[in-house]
Every structure is written in C-alpha cells, then in structure tokens.
Amino acid sequence: MDEIERIKKDMELFTKNIKEVESIKISAGEDNIIHMARNYAQDTNYYLENQDNYTAFGCITYAHGLLDAVRLLHHLI
C-alpha cells in the first residue's frame, strides 16, 4: 500500500468513526473537539490535492486522535 492509499484508507476509517460518534449524546466541549477533528480531516483533502502527502497524513492522524479521545470517553473504543 502506498502513502496515498494509506491516507485514503485512514480517511474512510475516520468517516466510519465520525458517524459512530454522531449517534451518541455529547457535551458542548466534546462537540468542539469533534469540530476540530472534522477540520483536520478536511485539511487532509487540501494537502492531498496539493501533493503534500506528509502533511496530509499528519492531519488525518491528528483528526483520528481527537476523535478517539471522545470515543474513549464514551467507551466506544
């Protein structure tokens, strides 16, 4: 698997996980974290389009970390 395929696979996993989080009751603070995670996921697409795969991978990794923090609080991990 090359780096672009890896990033796209991570983006698909993020999409799956964000849907899971959207189905639960979250606090306002958690909503802010989820908003930040979505922004980083969107940044991933920007950097992929500009062929900056290193930064794209960093963005999707950070998005997963933020989302996983909320998932962990709700015992979804």
N, C-alpha and C. Protein backbone atom coordinates (compact mmCIF):
# COMPACT_ATOMS: atom_id res chain seq x y z
N MET A 1 0.86 -1.17 0.00
CA MET A 1 0.00 0.00 0.00
C MET A 1 0.90 1.23 0.00
N ASP A 2 0.68 2.14 -0.95
CA ASP A 2 1.48 3.36 -0.98
C ASP A 2 0.88 4.40 -0.03
N GLU A 3 1.58 5.51 0.10
CA GLU A 3 1.17 6.52 1.08
C GLU A 3 -0.19 7.13 0.79
N ILE A 4 -0.52 7.34 -0.46
CA ILE A 4 -1.83 7.93 -0.79
C ILE A 4 -2.94 6.95 -0.46
N GLU A 5 -2.74 5.67 -0.78
CA GLU A 5 -3.74 4.66 -0.43
C GLU A 5 -3.93 4.58 1.09
N ARG A 6 -2.83 4.69 1.82
CA ARG A 6 -2.90 4.65 3.29
C ARG A 6 -3.70 5.83 3.83
N ILE A 7 -3.46 7.01 3.30
CA ILE A 7 -4.18 8.21 3.74
C ILE A 7 -5.66 8.06 3.43
N LYS A 8 -5.98 7.58 2.24
CA LYS A 8 -7.38 7.41 1.86
C LYS A 8 -8.07 6.36 2.72
N LYS A 9 -7.35 5.30 3.07
CA LYS A 9 -7.91 4.29 3.96
C LYS A 9 -8.19 4.89 5.33
N ASP A 10 -7.26 5.72 5.82
CA ASP A 10 -7.47 6.39 7.11
C ASP A 10 -8.64 7.36 7.05
N MET A 11 -8.84 8.01 5.92
CA MET A 11 -9.98 8.92 5.77
C MET A 11 -11.29 8.14 5.80
N GLU A 12 -11.33 6.97 5.18
CA GLU A 12 -12.52 6.13 5.21
C GLU A 12 -12.84 5.68 6.64
N LEU A 13 -11.81 5.32 7.38
CA LEU A 13 -12.00 4.92 8.78
C LEU A 13 -12.50 6.10 9.60
N PHE A 14 -11.97 7.30 9.34
CA PHE A 14 -12.44 8.48 10.05
C PHE A 14 -13.92 8.70 9.78
N THR A 15 -14.34 8.57 8.54
CA THR A 15 -15.75 8.74 8.17
C THR A 15 -16.63 7.75 8.93
N LYS A 16 -16.18 6.52 9.02
CA LYS A 16 -16.92 5.49 9.78
C LYS A 16 -17.01 5.88 11.25
N ASN A 17 -15.89 6.29 11.82
CA ASN A 17 -15.86 6.61 13.25
C ASN A 17 -16.64 7.88 13.58
N ILE A 18 -16.63 8.86 12.70
CA ILE A 18 -17.36 10.10 12.97
C ILE A 18 -18.87 9.82 12.98
N LYS A 19 -19.32 8.90 12.13
CA LYS A 19 -20.74 8.53 12.12
C LYS A 19 -21.13 7.87 13.44
N GLU A 20 -20.23 7.07 13.96
CA GLU A 20 -20.47 6.41 15.25
C GLU A 20 -20.63 7.45 16.35
N VAL A 21 -19.78 8.45 16.36
CA VAL A 21 -19.82 9.49 17.39
C VAL A 21 -21.07 10.37 17.23
N GLU A 22 -21.49 10.58 16.00
CA GLU A 22 -22.67 11.42 15.76
C GLU A 22 -23.94 10.78 16.30
N SER A 23 -23.89 9.48 16.58
CA SER A 23 -25.09 8.78 17.05
C SER A 23 -25.23 8.79 18.57
N ILE A 24 -24.30 9.44 19.28
CA ILE A 24 -24.37 9.46 20.74
C ILE A 24 -24.56 10.88 21.25
N LYS A 25 -24.98 10.99 22.49
CA LYS A 25 -25.15 12.30 23.12
C LYS A 25 -23.78 12.77 23.61
N ILE A 26 -23.39 13.97 23.18
CA ILE A 26 -22.08 14.51 23.55
C ILE A 26 -22.25 15.89 24.20
N SER A 27 -21.24 16.28 24.96
CA SER A 27 -21.27 17.59 25.61
C SER A 27 -20.82 18.67 24.63
N ALA A 28 -20.99 19.93 25.03
CA ALA A 28 -20.56 21.05 24.19
C ALA A 28 -19.05 21.02 23.97
N GLY A 29 -18.30 20.67 25.01
CA GLY A 29 -16.85 20.59 24.87
C GLY A 29 -16.43 19.50 23.90
N GLU A 30 -17.11 18.38 23.98
CA GLU A 30 -16.83 17.28 23.05
C GLU A 30 -17.20 17.67 21.63
N ASP A 31 -18.27 18.44 21.49
CA ASP A 31 -18.67 18.91 20.17
C ASP A 31 -17.57 19.78 19.56
N ASN A 32 -16.92 20.59 20.37
CA ASN A 32 -15.82 21.41 19.88
C ASN A 32 -14.66 20.54 19.40
N ILE A 33 -14.38 19.48 20.13
CA ILE A 33 -13.31 18.56 19.74
C ILE A 33 -13.64 17.88 18.42
N ILE A 34 -14.89 17.45 18.27
CA ILE A 34 -15.32 16.81 17.03
C ILE A 34 -15.24 17.79 15.86
N HIS A 35 -15.60 19.03 16.11
CA HIS A 35 -15.49 20.06 15.07
C HIS A 35 -14.03 20.22 14.62
N MET A 36 -13.11 20.24 15.58
CA MET A 36 -11.69 20.34 15.25
C MET A 36 -11.24 19.11 14.44
N ALA A 37 -11.72 17.94 14.82
CA ALA A 37 -11.36 16.72 14.11
C ALA A 37 -11.83 16.78 12.66
N ARG A 38 -13.07 17.25 12.47
CA ARG A 38 -13.58 17.40 11.10
C ARG A 38 -12.73 18.37 10.29
N ASN A 39 -12.32 19.48 10.92
CA ASN A 39 -11.48 20.45 10.22
C ASN A 39 -10.16 19.83 9.78
N TYR A 40 -9.55 19.05 10.66
CA TYR A 40 -8.29 18.38 10.29
C TYR A 40 -8.52 17.38 9.17
N ALA A 41 -9.65 16.68 9.20
CA ALA A 41 -9.96 15.74 8.12
C ALA A 41 -10.12 16.48 6.79
N GLN A 42 -10.76 17.65 6.82
CA GLN A 42 -10.89 18.46 5.61
C GLN A 42 -9.53 18.96 5.14
N ASP A 43 -8.67 19.32 6.08
CA ASP A 43 -7.32 19.75 5.72
C ASP A 43 -6.56 18.63 5.00
N THR A 44 -6.85 17.40 5.39
CA THR A 44 -6.22 16.26 4.73
C THR A 44 -6.46 16.30 3.24
N ASN A 45 -7.71 16.54 2.84
CA ASN A 45 -8.03 16.62 1.41
C ASN A 45 -7.29 17.76 0.73
N TYR A 46 -7.20 18.90 1.39
CA TYR A 46 -6.47 20.04 0.83
C TYR A 46 -5.02 19.67 0.54
N TYR A 47 -4.37 19.06 1.52
CA TYR A 47 -2.96 18.73 1.34
C TYR A 47 -2.76 17.61 0.33
N LEU A 48 -3.69 16.67 0.25
CA LEU A 48 -3.60 15.64 -0.78
C LEU A 48 -3.68 16.26 -2.17
N GLU A 49 -4.62 17.19 -2.34
CA GLU A 49 -4.78 17.86 -3.64
C GLU A 49 -3.52 18.64 -4.02
N ASN A 50 -2.79 19.12 -3.02
CA ASN A 50 -1.57 19.88 -3.27
C ASN A 50 -0.32 19.01 -3.18
N GLN A 51 -0.52 17.70 -3.20
CA GLN A 51 0.55 16.69 -3.23
C GLN A 51 1.51 16.81 -2.05
N ASP A 52 1.00 17.25 -0.92
CA ASP A 52 1.78 17.29 0.31
C ASP A 52 1.30 16.14 1.19
N ASN A 53 1.73 14.94 0.82
CA ASN A 53 1.25 13.73 1.48
C ASN A 53 1.70 13.64 2.94
N TYR A 54 2.85 14.16 3.23
CA TYR A 54 3.38 14.13 4.59
C TYR A 54 2.44 14.90 5.53
N THR A 55 2.06 16.11 5.14
CA THR A 55 1.16 16.93 5.96
C THR A 55 -0.24 16.34 5.97
N ALA A 56 -0.68 15.79 4.84
CA ALA A 56 -2.00 15.15 4.77
C ALA A 56 -2.08 14.01 5.78
N PHE A 57 -1.03 13.20 5.84
CA PHE A 57 -1.02 12.09 6.79
C PHE A 57 -1.04 12.60 8.23
N GLY A 58 -0.30 13.66 8.49
CA GLY A 58 -0.31 14.26 9.82
C GLY A 58 -1.69 14.76 10.20
N CYS A 59 -2.38 15.38 9.25
CA CYS A 59 -3.73 15.90 9.54
C CYS A 59 -4.72 14.79 9.86
N ILE A 60 -4.73 13.73 9.06
CA ILE A 60 -5.71 12.67 9.31
C ILE A 60 -5.36 11.92 10.59
N THR A 61 -4.08 11.82 10.89
CA THR A 61 -3.68 11.17 12.13
C THR A 61 -4.14 11.99 13.33
N TYR A 62 -3.98 13.30 13.25
CA TYR A 62 -4.41 14.18 14.33
C TYR A 62 -5.94 14.14 14.47
N ALA A 63 -6.64 14.11 13.34
CA ALA A 63 -8.11 14.03 13.36
C ALA A 63 -8.55 12.76 14.09
N HIS A 64 -7.90 11.65 13.80
CA HIS A 64 -8.22 10.39 14.48
C HIS A 64 -7.97 10.50 15.98
N GLY A 65 -6.87 11.13 16.35
CA GLY A 65 -6.55 11.27 17.77
C GLY A 65 -7.60 12.05 18.53
N LEU A 66 -8.04 13.15 17.93
CA LEU A 66 -9.09 13.95 18.57
C LEU A 66 -10.39 13.15 18.70
N LEU A 67 -10.76 12.50 17.62
CA LEU A 67 -11.99 11.72 17.63
C LEU A 67 -11.90 10.55 18.60
N ASP A 68 -10.75 9.91 18.64
CA ASP A 68 -10.58 8.78 19.55
C ASP A 68 -10.69 9.21 21.01
N ALA A 69 -10.29 10.43 21.33
CA ALA A 69 -10.43 10.92 22.70
C ALA A 69 -11.90 10.94 23.10
N VAL A 70 -12.76 11.43 22.23
CA VAL A 70 -14.20 11.46 22.51
C VAL A 70 -14.75 10.04 22.56
N ARG A 71 -14.33 9.20 21.63
CA ARG A 71 -14.80 7.81 21.61
C ARG A 71 -14.40 7.09 22.89
N LEU A 72 -13.20 7.36 23.37
CA LEU A 72 -12.72 6.72 24.59
C LEU A 72 -13.56 7.14 25.81
N LEU A 73 -13.92 8.41 25.87
CA LEU A 73 -14.76 8.90 26.97
C LEU A 73 -16.12 8.18 27.01
N HIS A 74 -16.58 7.76 25.84
CA HIS A 74 -17.89 7.11 25.75
C HIS A 74 -17.77 5.59 25.60
N HIS A 75 -16.58 5.08 25.85
CA HIS A 75 -16.32 3.64 25.81
C HIS A 75 -16.67 3.03 24.45
N LEU A 76 -16.37 3.76 23.39
CA LEU A 76 -16.61 3.25 22.03
C LEU A 76 -15.35 2.60 21.45
N ILE A 77 -14.27 2.66 22.22
CA ILE A 77 -13.01 2.04 21.76
C ILE A 77 -12.76 0.82 22.61
